[in-house]
Amino acid sequence: MFKCKLCGKELHTFSEVIIHFRSECRYVPKSRRCPVCGSRFKTIRLMKQHLVNSLLKDKMHQDYLIMVM
């Protein structure tokens, strides 16, 4: 089981976490700066896309967004 650290929703697979974060999670930070690495983006959508892409390859972003149960 995986749990979204932003909203607390429990999900069964890692791919469900990615889909949840892309489309459902309403607790994404409203700033245009990544809360993990500090990168700046022109829109919140681009920042959210950065978080999802980084979630797949960067342990630091994974630790911020999900916790494995």
C-alpha atoms as a PDB file:
ATOM      1  CA  MET A   1       0.000   0.000   0.000  1.00  0.00           C
ATOM      2  CA  PHE A   2       1.071   3.548  -0.759  1.00  0.00           C
ATOM      3  CA  LYS A   3      -0.224   6.659   0.967  1.00  0.00           C
ATOM      4  CA  CYS A   4      -0.245  10.172  -0.488  1.00  0.00           C
ATOM      5  CA  LYS A   5       1.544  12.429   1.980  1.00  0.00           C
ATOM      6  CA  LEU A   6      -0.370  15.456   0.730  1.00  0.00           C
ATOM      7  CA  CYS A   7      -3.926  14.225   1.295  1.00  0.00           C
ATOM      8  CA  GLY A   8      -3.591  10.863   3.083  1.00  0.00           C
ATOM      9  CA  LYS A   9      -5.388   8.753   0.474  1.00  0.00           C
ATOM     10  CA  GLU A  10      -4.232   5.120   0.425  1.00  0.00           C
ATOM     11  CA  LEU A  11      -3.540   3.530  -2.953  1.00  0.00           C
ATOM     12  CA  HIS A  12      -2.652  -0.018  -3.951  1.00  0.00           C
ATOM     13  CA  THR A  13       0.022   0.539  -6.610  1.00  0.00           C
ATOM     14  CA  PHE A  14       2.698   3.076  -7.441  1.00  0.00           C
ATOM     15  CA  SER A  15       0.998   3.817 -10.767  1.00  0.00           C
ATOM     16  CA  GLU A  16      -2.212   4.668  -8.888  1.00  0.00           C
ATOM     17  CA  VAL A  17      -0.184   7.187  -6.853  1.00  0.00           C
ATOM     18  CA  ILE A  18       0.986   8.874 -10.059  1.00  0.00           C
ATOM     19  CA  ILE A  19      -2.538   8.977 -11.538  1.00  0.00           C
ATOM     20  CA  HIS A  20      -3.934  10.259  -8.230  1.00  0.00           C
ATOM     21  CA  PHE A  21      -1.349  13.005  -8.012  1.00  0.00           C
ATOM     22  CA  ARG A  22      -1.844  14.080 -11.643  1.00  0.00           C
ATOM     23  CA  SER A  23      -5.612  14.294 -11.552  1.00  0.00           C
ATOM     24  CA  GLU A  24      -7.177  14.051  -8.104  1.00  0.00           C
ATOM     25  CA  CYS A  25      -4.986  15.417  -5.341  1.00  0.00           C
ATOM     26  CA  ARG A  26      -6.219  18.850  -4.383  1.00  0.00           C
ATOM     27  CA  TYR A  27      -3.482  19.473  -1.828  1.00  0.00           C
ATOM     28  CA  VAL A  28      -0.752  20.277  -4.335  1.00  0.00           C
ATOM     29  CA  PRO A  29       1.082  23.422  -3.195  1.00  0.00           C
ATOM     30  CA  LYS A  30      -0.389  26.519  -4.839  1.00  0.00           C
ATOM     31  CA  SER A  31       2.981  28.188  -5.374  1.00  0.00           C
ATOM     32  CA  ARG A  32       4.908  27.753  -8.594  1.00  0.00           C
ATOM     33  CA  ARG A  33       8.030  26.626  -6.764  1.00  0.00           C
ATOM     34  CA  CYS A  34       8.787  22.943  -6.182  1.00  0.00           C
ATOM     35  CA  PRO A  35       8.566  22.303  -2.425  1.00  0.00           C
ATOM     36  CA  VAL A  36      11.312  19.677  -2.708  1.00  0.00           C
ATOM     37  CA  CYS A  37      14.066  21.118  -4.917  1.00  0.00           C
ATOM     38  CA  GLY A  38      13.038  24.787  -5.173  1.00  0.00           C
ATOM     39  CA  SER A  39      12.785  24.899  -8.988  1.00  0.00           C
ATOM     40  CA  ARG A  40      10.477  27.652 -10.284  1.00  0.00           C
ATOM     41  CA  PHE A  41       7.814  27.214 -12.967  1.00  0.00           C
ATOM     42  CA  LYS A  42       5.610  29.546 -15.015  1.00  0.00           C
ATOM     43  CA  THR A  43       2.411  27.709 -14.050  1.00  0.00           C
ATOM     44  CA  ILE A  44       1.198  25.402 -11.294  1.00  0.00           C
ATOM     45  CA  ARG A  45       0.476  22.788 -13.973  1.00  0.00           C
ATOM     46  CA  LEU A  46       4.146  22.756 -15.002  1.00  0.00           C
ATOM     47  CA  MET A  47       5.224  22.461 -11.365  1.00  0.00           C
ATOM     48  CA  LYS A  48       2.815  19.560 -10.857  1.00  0.00           C
ATOM     49  CA  GLN A  49       4.149  17.899 -14.021  1.00  0.00           C
ATOM     50  CA  HIS A  50       7.699  18.328 -12.671  1.00  0.00           C
ATOM     51  CA  LEU A  51       6.702  16.640  -9.396  1.00  0.00           C
ATOM     52  CA  VAL A  52       5.159  13.667 -11.218  1.00  0.00           C
ATOM     53  CA  ASN A  53       8.170  13.261 -13.529  1.00  0.00           C
ATOM     54  CA  SER A  54      10.584  13.588 -10.616  1.00  0.00           C
ATOM     55  CA  LEU A  55       8.550  11.106  -8.589  1.00  0.00           C
ATOM     56  CA  LEU A  56       9.508   8.444 -11.127  1.00  0.00           C
ATOM     57  CA  LYS A  57      13.257   9.026 -10.977  1.00  0.00           C
ATOM     58  CA  ASP A  58      14.249  10.951  -7.869  1.00  0.00           C
ATOM     59  CA  LYS A  59      14.219   9.481  -4.352  1.00  0.00           C
ATOM     60  CA  MET A  60      14.043  12.945  -2.754  1.00  0.00           C
ATOM     61  CA  HIS A  61      10.752  13.729  -4.549  1.00  0.00           C
ATOM     62  CA  GLN A  62       9.366  10.245  -3.815  1.00  0.00           C
ATOM     63  CA  ASP A  63      10.014  10.682  -0.097  1.00  0.00           C
ATOM     64  CA  TYR A  64       8.173  14.015  -0.127  1.00  0.00           C
ATOM     65  CA  LEU A  65       5.076  12.763  -1.944  1.00  0.00           C
ATOM     66  CA  ILE A  66       4.465   9.178  -0.820  1.00  0.00           C
ATOM     67  CA  MET A  67       5.107   6.849   2.025  1.00  0.00           C
ATOM     68  CA  VAL A  68       5.012   3.097   1.665  1.00  0.00           C
ATOM     69  CA  MET A  69       2.811   1.346   4.174  1.00  0.00           C
END
